[in-house]
């Protein structure tokens, strides 16, 4: 599988990284979290806390996700609305 994004995908990822966090709305830059690995358009913007923090983050105990009542699909939906809006 080709894991290298093409130019259009790189531009999309750069836009995602400029956005505020999709969970807590912390200002960017954000991480581009891939919902499905190597699918560049299935990405959401996440701050470090909501992405990788041991307690708050998606790759931890997901406490921020529970507090804000979010999941990956709800954040993807809001991200797409903002990008296409």
N, C-alpha and C. Protein backbone atom coordinates (compact mmCIF):
# COMPACT_ATOMS: atom_id res chain seq x y z
N UNK A 1 0.85 -1.18 0.00
CA UNK A 1 0.00 0.00 0.00
C UNK A 1 0.89 1.24 0.00
N UNK A 2 0.51 2.21 -0.80
CA UNK A 2 1.24 3.47 -0.87
C UNK A 2 0.85 4.35 0.31
N UNK A 3 1.79 4.59 1.20
CA UNK A 3 1.52 5.36 2.40
C UNK A 3 1.88 6.83 2.25
N UNK A 4 2.35 7.23 1.08
CA UNK A 4 2.75 8.60 0.87
C UNK A 4 1.61 9.39 0.25
N UNK A 5 1.18 10.47 0.92
CA UNK A 5 0.10 11.27 0.34
C UNK A 5 0.56 12.01 -0.91
N UNK A 6 -0.35 12.16 -1.86
CA UNK A 6 -0.06 12.95 -3.06
C UNK A 6 -0.21 14.44 -2.72
N UNK A 7 0.01 15.31 -3.68
CA UNK A 7 -0.04 16.76 -3.43
C UNK A 7 -1.39 17.22 -2.92
N UNK A 8 -2.46 16.75 -3.51
CA UNK A 8 -3.80 17.15 -3.08
C UNK A 8 -4.07 16.69 -1.64
N UNK A 9 -3.66 15.47 -1.32
CA UNK A 9 -3.83 14.95 0.04
C UNK A 9 -3.00 15.75 1.05
N UNK A 10 -1.78 16.12 0.65
CA UNK A 10 -0.94 16.94 1.54
C UNK A 10 -1.59 18.28 1.82
N UNK A 11 -2.19 18.90 0.81
CA UNK A 11 -2.89 20.17 1.00
C UNK A 11 -4.07 20.01 1.95
N UNK A 12 -4.80 18.92 1.78
CA UNK A 12 -5.93 18.65 2.67
C UNK A 12 -5.45 18.48 4.12
N UNK A 13 -4.41 17.71 4.31
CA UNK A 13 -3.87 17.50 5.66
C UNK A 13 -3.38 18.81 6.27
N UNK A 14 -2.78 19.66 5.45
CA UNK A 14 -2.31 20.96 5.95
C UNK A 14 -3.49 21.80 6.43
N UNK A 15 -4.62 21.76 5.70
CA UNK A 15 -5.81 22.50 6.12
C UNK A 15 -6.37 21.94 7.43
N UNK A 16 -6.37 20.63 7.56
CA UNK A 16 -6.85 19.99 8.80
C UNK A 16 -5.99 20.46 9.98
N UNK A 17 -4.68 20.50 9.78
CA UNK A 17 -3.76 20.87 10.86
C UNK A 17 -3.89 22.33 11.27
N UNK A 18 -4.42 23.18 10.39
CA UNK A 18 -4.63 24.59 10.71
C UNK A 18 -5.90 24.82 11.54
N UNK A 19 -6.78 23.86 11.55
CA UNK A 19 -8.08 24.01 12.21
C UNK A 19 -7.96 23.88 13.73
N UNK A 20 -8.92 24.44 14.48
CA UNK A 20 -8.95 24.19 15.92
C UNK A 20 -9.34 22.74 16.20
N UNK A 21 -9.07 22.30 17.40
CA UNK A 21 -9.40 20.93 17.80
C UNK A 21 -10.89 20.67 17.60
N UNK A 22 -11.20 19.55 17.01
CA UNK A 22 -12.59 19.19 16.76
C UNK A 22 -13.35 18.76 18.00
N UNK A 23 -12.66 18.51 19.10
CA UNK A 23 -13.32 18.10 20.33
C UNK A 23 -13.48 19.28 21.28
N UNK A 24 -12.39 19.92 21.66
CA UNK A 24 -12.43 20.96 22.69
C UNK A 24 -12.31 22.37 22.13
N UNK A 25 -12.10 22.49 20.82
CA UNK A 25 -12.00 23.77 20.11
C UNK A 25 -10.73 24.56 20.47
N UNK A 26 -9.70 23.91 21.02
CA UNK A 26 -8.43 24.58 21.27
C UNK A 26 -7.87 25.05 19.94
N UNK A 27 -7.28 26.24 19.92
CA UNK A 27 -6.79 26.80 18.66
C UNK A 27 -5.66 25.95 18.09
N UNK A 28 -5.55 25.98 16.75
CA UNK A 28 -4.52 25.23 16.05
C UNK A 28 -3.15 25.82 16.29
N UNK A 29 -2.11 25.16 15.82
CA UNK A 29 -2.17 24.01 14.95
C UNK A 29 -2.60 22.74 15.70
N UNK A 30 -3.21 21.85 14.95
CA UNK A 30 -3.70 20.59 15.48
C UNK A 30 -2.98 19.42 14.83
N UNK A 31 -3.11 18.26 15.45
CA UNK A 31 -2.67 17.02 14.81
C UNK A 31 -3.77 16.60 13.83
N UNK A 32 -3.39 15.94 12.76
CA UNK A 32 -4.35 15.34 11.84
C UNK A 32 -4.49 13.86 12.22
N UNK A 33 -5.56 13.54 12.94
CA UNK A 33 -5.79 12.15 13.36
C UNK A 33 -6.49 11.41 12.24
N UNK A 34 -5.89 10.30 11.81
CA UNK A 34 -6.49 9.46 10.77
C UNK A 34 -7.48 8.49 11.42
N UNK A 35 -8.72 8.59 11.05
CA UNK A 35 -9.73 7.66 11.55
C UNK A 35 -9.46 6.27 10.99
N UNK A 36 -9.10 6.22 9.72
CA UNK A 36 -8.67 4.98 9.07
C UNK A 36 -7.27 5.26 8.52
N UNK A 37 -6.29 4.50 8.98
CA UNK A 37 -4.91 4.74 8.57
C UNK A 37 -4.77 4.75 7.05
N UNK A 38 -3.99 5.71 6.57
CA UNK A 38 -3.65 5.88 5.16
C UNK A 38 -4.81 6.41 4.31
N UNK A 39 -5.96 6.69 4.90
CA UNK A 39 -7.05 7.35 4.19
C UNK A 39 -6.98 8.82 4.56
N UNK A 40 -6.33 9.59 3.70
CA UNK A 40 -5.98 10.97 4.04
C UNK A 40 -7.20 11.87 4.22
N UNK A 41 -8.31 11.52 3.61
CA UNK A 41 -9.50 12.37 3.73
C UNK A 41 -10.37 12.00 4.93
N UNK A 42 -10.02 10.95 5.63
CA UNK A 42 -10.74 10.57 6.85
C UNK A 42 -9.90 11.00 8.05
N UNK A 43 -9.62 12.30 8.12
CA UNK A 43 -8.81 12.88 9.18
C UNK A 43 -9.59 13.97 9.90
N UNK A 44 -9.27 14.11 11.18
CA UNK A 44 -9.90 15.15 11.99
C UNK A 44 -8.81 15.91 12.75
N UNK A 45 -9.07 17.21 13.03
CA UNK A 45 -8.09 17.99 13.77
C UNK A 45 -8.24 17.76 15.28
N UNK A 46 -7.14 17.43 15.94
CA UNK A 46 -7.15 17.21 17.38
C UNK A 46 -5.95 17.89 18.02
N UNK A 47 -6.18 18.58 19.16
CA UNK A 47 -5.08 19.12 19.93
C UNK A 47 -4.34 17.93 20.56
N UNK A 48 -3.16 18.20 21.09
CA UNK A 48 -2.37 17.12 21.70
C UNK A 48 -3.13 16.45 22.85
N UNK A 49 -3.84 17.25 23.66
CA UNK A 49 -4.58 16.65 24.78
C UNK A 49 -5.67 15.70 24.30
N UNK A 50 -6.45 16.13 23.33
CA UNK A 50 -7.56 15.29 22.85
C UNK A 50 -7.09 14.15 21.96
N UNK A 51 -5.84 14.22 21.50
CA UNK A 51 -5.31 13.17 20.64
C UNK A 51 -4.52 12.14 21.42
N UNK A 52 -3.49 12.58 22.13
CA UNK A 52 -2.54 11.60 22.68
C UNK A 52 -2.39 11.62 24.20
N UNK A 53 -3.08 12.51 24.89
CA UNK A 53 -2.97 12.56 26.35
C UNK A 53 -3.45 11.25 26.97
N UNK A 54 -2.72 10.74 27.96
CA UNK A 54 -3.04 9.45 28.58
C UNK A 54 -4.44 9.40 29.18
N UNK A 55 -4.89 10.50 29.74
CA UNK A 55 -6.20 10.52 30.39
C UNK A 55 -7.28 11.12 29.49
N UNK A 56 -6.96 12.23 28.83
CA UNK A 56 -7.97 12.97 28.07
C UNK A 56 -8.13 12.48 26.65
N UNK A 57 -7.07 11.97 26.05
CA UNK A 57 -7.01 11.75 24.62
C UNK A 57 -7.64 10.49 24.08
N UNK A 58 -7.81 10.52 22.77
CA UNK A 58 -8.38 9.39 22.03
C UNK A 58 -7.54 8.13 22.21
N UNK A 59 -6.22 8.30 22.27
CA UNK A 59 -5.33 7.15 22.44
C UNK A 59 -5.05 6.87 23.91
N UNK A 60 -5.89 7.39 24.77
CA UNK A 60 -5.80 7.16 26.21
C UNK A 60 -7.17 6.78 26.74
N UNK A 61 -7.59 7.42 27.81
CA UNK A 61 -8.86 7.09 28.44
C UNK A 61 -10.06 7.85 27.86
N UNK A 62 -9.82 8.74 26.94
CA UNK A 62 -10.87 9.47 26.20
C UNK A 62 -11.76 10.34 27.11
N UNK A 63 -11.22 10.85 28.19
CA UNK A 63 -12.05 11.63 29.11
C UNK A 63 -12.58 12.91 28.47
N UNK A 64 -11.75 13.62 27.69
CA UNK A 64 -12.26 14.82 27.02
C UNK A 64 -13.37 14.47 26.04
N UNK A 65 -13.23 13.35 25.38
CA UNK A 65 -14.24 12.91 24.42
C UNK A 65 -15.58 12.68 25.13
N UNK A 66 -15.53 12.10 26.31
CA UNK A 66 -16.75 11.86 27.08
C UNK A 66 -17.33 13.18 27.60
N UNK A 67 -16.47 14.06 28.08
CA UNK A 67 -16.94 15.35 28.60
C UNK A 67 -17.66 16.13 27.51
N UNK A 68 -17.08 16.17 26.31
CA UNK A 68 -17.67 16.93 25.21
C UNK A 68 -18.69 16.13 24.39
N UNK A 69 -18.91 14.88 24.80
CA UNK A 69 -19.87 14.00 24.14
C UNK A 69 -19.61 13.91 22.62
N UNK A 70 -18.37 13.53 22.30
CA UNK A 70 -17.93 13.43 20.92
C UNK A 70 -17.42 12.02 20.63
N UNK A 71 -17.46 11.67 19.35
CA UNK A 71 -16.77 10.48 18.86
C UNK A 71 -16.15 10.86 17.52
N UNK A 72 -15.39 9.95 16.94
CA UNK A 72 -14.67 10.28 15.70
C UNK A 72 -15.62 10.70 14.58
N UNK A 73 -16.76 10.05 14.46
CA UNK A 73 -17.68 10.38 13.38
C UNK A 73 -18.34 11.74 13.57
N UNK A 74 -18.68 12.10 14.81
CA UNK A 74 -19.27 13.42 15.04
C UNK A 74 -18.25 14.52 14.76
N UNK A 75 -16.99 14.30 15.12
CA UNK A 75 -15.95 15.29 14.85
C UNK A 75 -15.68 15.35 13.34
N UNK A 76 -15.67 14.23 12.66
CA UNK A 76 -15.50 14.23 11.20
C UNK A 76 -16.63 15.00 10.54
N UNK A 77 -17.86 14.80 10.99
CA UNK A 77 -19.00 15.51 10.42
C UNK A 77 -18.83 17.02 10.57
N UNK A 78 -18.44 17.48 11.75
CA UNK A 78 -18.25 18.93 11.97
C UNK A 78 -17.07 19.46 11.18
N UNK A 79 -16.01 18.65 11.05
CA UNK A 79 -14.84 19.07 10.27
C UNK A 79 -15.23 19.27 8.82
N UNK A 80 -15.97 18.33 8.26
CA UNK A 80 -16.40 18.45 6.86
C UNK A 80 -17.33 19.64 6.66
N UNK A 81 -18.22 19.88 7.61
CA UNK A 81 -19.12 21.04 7.51
C UNK A 81 -18.31 22.33 7.47
N UNK A 82 -17.28 22.43 8.31
CA UNK A 82 -16.45 23.63 8.33
C UNK A 82 -15.65 23.78 7.04
N UNK A 83 -15.15 22.68 6.51
CA UNK A 83 -14.32 22.76 5.30
C UNK A 83 -15.14 23.04 4.05
N UNK A 84 -16.35 22.51 4.02
CA UNK A 84 -17.19 22.65 2.83
C UNK A 84 -18.15 23.82 2.90
N UNK A 85 -18.28 24.39 4.12
CA UNK A 85 -19.28 25.34 4.43
C UNK A 85 -19.24 26.65 3.81
